[in-house]
Amino acid sequence: MLRRLLSNPATAFGLCVIVILVLAAIFAPLLMTHNPLAQNLSNILKAPSAENWFGTDELGRDVYSRLIAGTRITLTIIGLVSIIVAPIGLVIGTTAGYFGGWYDTAMMRITDIFLSFPGLILSLAFVAALGPNLNNAIIAIALTSWPPIARLARAETLILRSADYISAAHLLGASPLRILVKSIVPMCLPSVLIRVTLSMATVILTAAGLGFLGLGAQPPTPEWGAMIATGRNYMLESWWLVTFPGAAILLVSLSFNLVGDGLRDVLDPKNR
């Protein structure tokens, strides 16, 4: 599978960017040239140079070091949201599609309510209720990201539950839980994996949006969206304050989309 992924130039590019992101997060203390939180008021708004590769911000902090430190926050958001939304969406979708009836109707109406609001607007509402900080932002993003996965898992289950091997399992006396765990969930996993990967771009943009609005990571945390928010007041004279964080968000979001497309080509049997 890895060989097939790497044979696609776009997917290979996305994988390379994601690997670089992970390595930058792991080795961040070694890659940073300055303390990302240290202020130097004598070095305010300096252009990119040999000493400060991406320049400095309005408090004299090194933008490159803050960008590298922000990779850990980005990966934390991606990882925690994936861990939360994938199981929730998979469980709700497969059980609703398998059991049907009033349970299916109730779960899908709840899903429709979540889908009827734009993800960022709903995340703003949850963060406003929970309080502005990074942990609450992750919870809010997770609460708004599971409905598409549930819909997808339900659609897959509706097709699978009428398959011959599911009927044979019924005749052999297999319980509904065993059929779900052993037969249906494994068949839904590839589609869910693709959907989660494609959703990561939206997660990154939503997290950056919350940070930009001051509802995500709070200062002085070096989160990319918050960096753009603080730098927008100086962007006409100090372009580097918004250019480098914005480019990082764009590049990582694009990479997850490219990898998601590549996974779809590899895992979808219709494309073989």
Protein backbone atom coordinates (compact mmCIF):
# COMPACT_ATOMS: atom_id res chain seq x y z
CA MET A 1 0.00 0.00 0.00
CA LEU A 2 2.84 2.37 0.82
CA ARG A 3 4.40 1.65 -2.55
CA ARG A 4 1.14 2.50 -4.31
CA LEU A 5 0.80 5.69 -2.28
CA LEU A 6 4.32 6.80 -3.15
CA SER A 7 3.76 6.07 -6.83
CA ASN A 8 1.37 9.04 -6.93
CA PRO A 9 3.47 12.26 -6.92
CA ALA A 10 0.78 14.35 -5.21
CA THR A 11 0.26 11.77 -2.46
CA ALA A 12 4.02 11.34 -2.03
CA PHE A 13 4.35 15.11 -1.60
CA GLY A 14 1.62 15.12 1.03
CA LEU A 15 3.22 12.24 2.91
CA CYS A 16 6.58 14.00 2.88
CA VAL A 17 5.08 17.17 4.34
CA ILE A 18 3.27 15.20 7.07
CA VAL A 19 6.47 13.29 7.92
CA ILE A 20 8.37 16.59 8.13
CA LEU A 21 5.62 17.96 10.40
CA VAL A 22 5.88 14.96 12.71
CA LEU A 23 9.69 15.11 12.80
CA ALA A 24 9.58 18.86 13.48
CA ALA A 25 7.22 18.24 16.41
CA ILE A 26 9.41 15.45 17.82
CA PHE A 27 12.69 17.33 17.48
CA ALA A 28 11.30 20.82 18.10
CA PRO A 29 13.73 21.65 20.96
CA LEU A 30 16.65 20.84 18.66
CA LEU A 31 15.29 22.72 15.66
CA MET A 32 14.32 25.93 17.46
CA THR A 33 16.98 28.65 17.35
CA HIS A 34 15.41 30.74 20.14
CA ASN A 35 13.04 30.35 23.05
CA PRO A 36 9.60 30.72 21.40
CA LEU A 37 8.21 32.51 24.46
CA ALA A 38 11.18 34.77 25.21
CA GLN A 39 10.53 38.46 24.55
CA ASN A 40 13.21 40.85 23.32
CA LEU A 41 11.85 44.39 23.10
CA SER A 42 15.06 45.63 21.48
CA ASN A 43 14.49 43.28 18.53
CA ILE A 44 10.88 44.10 17.62
CA LEU A 45 9.53 43.49 14.10
CA LYS A 46 12.87 42.63 12.55
CA ALA A 47 12.79 41.34 8.97
CA PRO A 48 14.01 37.78 8.20
CA SER A 49 17.76 37.58 8.61
CA ALA A 50 20.55 35.14 9.40
CA GLU A 51 19.85 35.54 13.12
CA ASN A 52 16.06 35.35 12.86
CA TRP A 53 15.24 33.24 9.80
CA PHE A 54 11.55 34.20 9.67
CA GLY A 55 11.92 37.56 11.41
CA THR A 56 10.55 38.60 14.81
CA ASP A 57 7.08 39.61 16.00
CA GLU A 58 5.76 42.64 17.86
CA LEU A 59 7.35 41.42 21.11
CA GLY A 60 10.71 40.49 19.60
CA ARG A 61 10.00 36.73 19.63
CA ASP A 62 11.53 34.59 16.90
CA VAL A 63 8.80 33.65 14.37
CA TYR A 64 10.65 30.56 13.12
CA SER A 65 10.98 29.11 16.62
CA ARG A 66 7.32 29.83 17.36
CA LEU A 67 6.34 28.19 14.08
CA ILE A 68 8.30 25.04 14.98
CA ALA A 69 6.80 25.01 18.48
CA GLY A 70 3.35 25.33 16.91
CA THR A 71 3.79 21.99 15.10
CA ARG A 72 3.29 20.20 18.42
CA ILE A 73 0.03 22.05 19.03
CA THR A 74 -1.18 21.26 15.51
CA LEU A 75 -0.37 17.56 15.87
CA THR A 76 -2.00 17.49 19.30
CA ILE A 77 -5.21 18.90 17.86
CA ILE A 78 -5.15 16.49 14.91
CA GLY A 79 -4.41 13.46 17.07
CA LEU A 80 -6.95 14.13 19.81
CA VAL A 81 -9.73 15.03 17.40
CA SER A 82 -9.08 11.86 15.38
CA ILE A 83 -9.11 9.70 18.50
CA ILE A 84 -12.43 11.20 19.56
CA VAL A 85 -14.40 11.52 16.32
CA ALA A 86 -13.46 8.28 14.56
CA PRO A 87 -14.83 5.90 17.25
CA ILE A 88 -17.89 8.08 17.95
CA GLY A 89 -18.83 8.38 14.29
CA LEU A 90 -18.11 4.72 13.59
CA VAL A 91 -20.17 3.45 16.54
CA ILE A 92 -23.15 5.72 15.90
CA GLY A 93 -23.15 5.09 12.16
CA THR A 94 -22.79 1.31 12.25
CA THR A 95 -25.31 0.76 15.04
CA ALA A 96 -27.87 3.09 13.43
CA GLY A 97 -27.49 1.40 10.07
CA TYR A 98 -27.60 -2.11 11.49
CA PHE A 99 -30.48 -1.84 13.96
CA GLY A 100 -32.57 0.71 12.04
CA GLY A 101 -36.02 1.63 13.38
CA TRP A 102 -36.50 4.35 15.95
CA TYR A 103 -32.84 4.25 16.99
CA ASP A 104 -31.69 4.97 13.44
CA THR A 105 -34.23 7.78 13.10
CA ALA A 106 -33.19 9.39 16.40
CA MET A 107 -29.45 9.19 15.69
CA MET A 108 -29.79 10.53 12.16
CA ARG A 109 -31.96 13.44 13.28
CA ILE A 110 -29.32 14.38 15.84
CA THR A 111 -26.70 14.07 13.11
CA ASP A 112 -28.76 16.29 10.82
CA ILE A 113 -28.96 18.95 13.53
CA PHE A 114 -25.17 19.05 13.77
CA LEU A 115 -24.78 19.06 9.97
CA SER A 116 -27.25 21.92 9.57
CA PHE A 117 -24.77 24.38 11.10
CA PRO A 118 -21.39 25.34 9.59
CA GLY A 119 -18.63 23.61 11.54
CA LEU A 120 -16.83 26.81 12.55
CA ILE A 121 -20.04 28.49 13.75
CA LEU A 122 -20.97 25.46 15.85
CA SER A 123 -17.44 25.26 17.24
CA LEU A 124 -17.68 28.93 18.20
CA ALA A 125 -20.88 28.23 20.08
CA PHE A 126 -19.36 25.32 22.00
CA VAL A 127 -16.18 27.24 22.86
CA ALA A 128 -18.24 30.22 24.00
CA ALA A 129 -20.14 27.89 26.34
CA LEU A 130 -17.08 25.96 27.58
CA GLY A 131 -14.59 28.83 27.75
CA PRO A 132 -11.75 29.97 25.47
CA ASN A 133 -8.72 27.67 25.73
CA LEU A 134 -7.01 24.98 23.68
CA ASN A 135 -8.57 21.98 25.42
CA ASN A 136 -12.09 23.33 25.01
CA ALA A 137 -11.34 24.16 21.38
CA ILE A 138 -10.34 20.52 20.78
CA ILE A 139 -13.56 19.31 22.42
CA ALA A 140 -15.62 21.75 20.35
CA ILE A 141 -13.97 20.69 17.09
CA ALA A 142 -14.49 17.02 17.95
CA LEU A 143 -18.17 17.60 18.72
CA THR A 144 -18.68 19.11 15.27
CA SER A 145 -16.55 16.63 13.28
CA TRP A 146 -18.21 13.26 13.95
CA PRO A 147 -21.52 13.65 11.96
CA PRO A 148 -20.02 13.15 8.46
CA ILE A 149 -18.24 10.01 9.68
CA ALA A 150 -21.46 8.68 11.21
CA ARG A 151 -23.32 9.30 7.96
CA LEU A 152 -20.66 7.49 5.97
CA ALA A 153 -20.53 4.51 8.35
CA ARG A 154 -24.33 4.23 8.30
CA ALA A 155 -24.41 4.21 4.49
CA GLU A 156 -21.78 1.46 4.40
CA THR A 157 -23.66 -0.57 7.02
CA LEU A 158 -26.95 -0.35 5.14
CA ILE A 159 -25.24 -2.03 2.19
CA LEU A 160 -23.38 -4.60 4.25
CA ARG A 161 -26.24 -5.78 6.47
CA SER A 162 -28.02 -7.36 3.49
CA ALA A 163 -24.92 -9.26 2.37
CA ASP A 164 -25.02 -13.07 2.23
CA TYR A 165 -22.29 -13.58 4.81
CA ILE A 166 -24.20 -11.43 7.32
CA SER A 167 -27.31 -13.60 6.75
CA ALA A 168 -25.17 -16.70 7.23
CA ALA A 169 -23.85 -15.30 10.50
CA HIS A 170 -27.43 -14.76 11.64
CA LEU A 171 -28.34 -18.35 10.80
CA LEU A 172 -25.32 -19.61 12.76
CA GLY A 173 -26.58 -17.76 15.84
CA ALA A 174 -24.08 -14.90 15.94
CA SER A 175 -25.15 -12.05 18.19
CA PRO A 176 -25.65 -8.52 16.79
CA LEU A 177 -22.60 -7.32 18.76
CA ARG A 178 -20.41 -10.02 17.25
CA ILE A 179 -21.65 -9.27 13.73
CA LEU A 180 -20.99 -5.56 14.21
CA VAL A 181 -17.51 -6.03 15.68
CA LYS A 182 -16.32 -8.91 13.52
CA SER A 183 -18.01 -8.29 10.18
CA ILE A 184 -19.33 -4.77 9.71
CA VAL A 185 -16.89 -2.47 11.51
CA PRO A 186 -13.78 -3.89 9.74
CA MET A 187 -15.46 -3.33 6.36
CA CYS A 188 -16.28 0.28 7.28
CA LEU A 189 -12.81 1.13 8.57
CA PRO A 190 -11.18 1.97 5.19
CA SER A 191 -13.90 4.49 4.31
CA VAL A 192 -13.78 5.98 7.80
CA LEU A 193 -9.98 6.25 7.64
CA ILE A 194 -10.19 8.10 4.33
CA ARG A 195 -12.87 10.42 5.67
CA VAL A 196 -10.91 11.19 8.85
CA THR A 197 -7.79 11.97 6.82
CA LEU A 198 -9.71 14.31 4.53
CA SER A 199 -11.34 15.95 7.57
CA MET A 200 -7.97 16.85 9.07
CA ALA A 201 -7.64 19.83 6.74
CA THR A 202 -10.96 21.17 8.04
CA VAL A 203 -9.85 20.49 11.61
CA ILE A 204 -6.65 22.47 11.09
CA LEU A 205 -8.52 25.38 9.52
CA THR A 206 -11.16 25.36 12.27
CA ALA A 207 -8.50 25.31 14.99
CA ALA A 208 -6.67 28.16 13.27
CA GLY A 209 -9.94 30.06 12.97
CA LEU A 210 -10.68 29.67 16.66
CA GLY A 211 -7.12 30.73 17.49
CA PHE A 212 -7.46 33.74 15.19
CA LEU A 213 -10.64 34.79 16.99
CA GLY A 214 -8.99 34.37 20.40
CA LEU A 215 -11.10 31.35 21.38
CA GLY A 216 -8.47 28.66 20.90
CA ALA A 217 -4.93 28.60 22.26
CA GLN A 218 -4.35 31.64 24.48
CA PRO A 219 -1.25 33.89 24.43
CA PRO A 220 1.64 33.34 24.62
CA THR A 221 1.04 29.84 23.20
CA PRO A 222 2.59 29.69 19.69
CA GLU A 223 -0.47 28.43 17.79
CA TRP A 224 -0.48 29.28 14.09
CA GLY A 225 -3.94 30.86 13.97
CA ALA A 226 -3.18 32.98 17.03
CA MET A 227 0.11 34.05 15.44
CA ILE A 228 -1.78 35.33 12.40
CA ALA A 229 -4.26 37.13 14.66
CA THR A 230 -1.53 39.02 16.52
CA GLY A 231 0.38 39.76 13.33
CA ARG A 232 -2.52 41.12 11.28
CA ASN A 233 -2.13 44.59 12.85
CA TYR A 234 1.42 44.81 11.44
CA MET A 235 1.03 42.83 8.22
CA LEU A 236 1.39 45.80 5.85
CA GLU A 237 4.85 46.67 7.18
CA SER A 238 5.86 43.24 8.55
CA TRP A 239 4.55 40.74 6.02
CA TRP A 240 6.40 37.79 7.59
CA LEU A 241 4.16 37.78 10.68
CA VAL A 242 1.21 36.37 8.73
CA THR A 243 2.93 34.89 5.67
CA PHE A 244 4.85 32.07 7.34
CA PRO A 245 2.08 30.86 9.70
CA GLY A 246 -0.44 31.14 6.87
CA ALA A 247 1.82 29.17 4.53
CA ALA A 248 2.24 26.48 7.19
CA ILE A 249 -1.54 26.14 7.62
CA LEU A 250 -2.03 26.01 3.84
CA LEU A 251 0.73 23.46 3.28
CA VAL A 252 -0.33 21.08 6.05
CA SER A 253 -4.02 21.28 5.12
CA LEU A 254 -3.22 20.62 1.46
CA SER A 255 -1.00 17.68 2.42
CA PHE A 256 -3.75 15.94 4.40
CA ASN A 257 -6.13 16.39 1.46
CA LEU A 258 -3.59 14.90 -0.93
CA VAL A 259 -2.96 11.94 1.36
CA GLY A 260 -6.69 11.41 1.81
CA ASP A 261 -7.16 11.33 -1.97
CA GLY A 262 -4.30 8.86 -2.27
CA LEU A 263 -5.76 6.60 0.43
CA ARG A 264 -9.10 6.65 -1.37
CA ASP A 265 -7.44 5.49 -4.59
CA VAL A 266 -5.59 2.70 -2.76
CA LEU A 267 -8.30 1.44 -0.40
CA ASP A 268 -11.38 1.79 -2.61
CA PRO A 269 -11.85 -1.57 -4.37
CA LYS A 270 -13.76 0.15 -7.17
CA ASN A 271 -10.53 1.86 -8.26
CA ARG A 272 -8.55 -1.36 -8.52
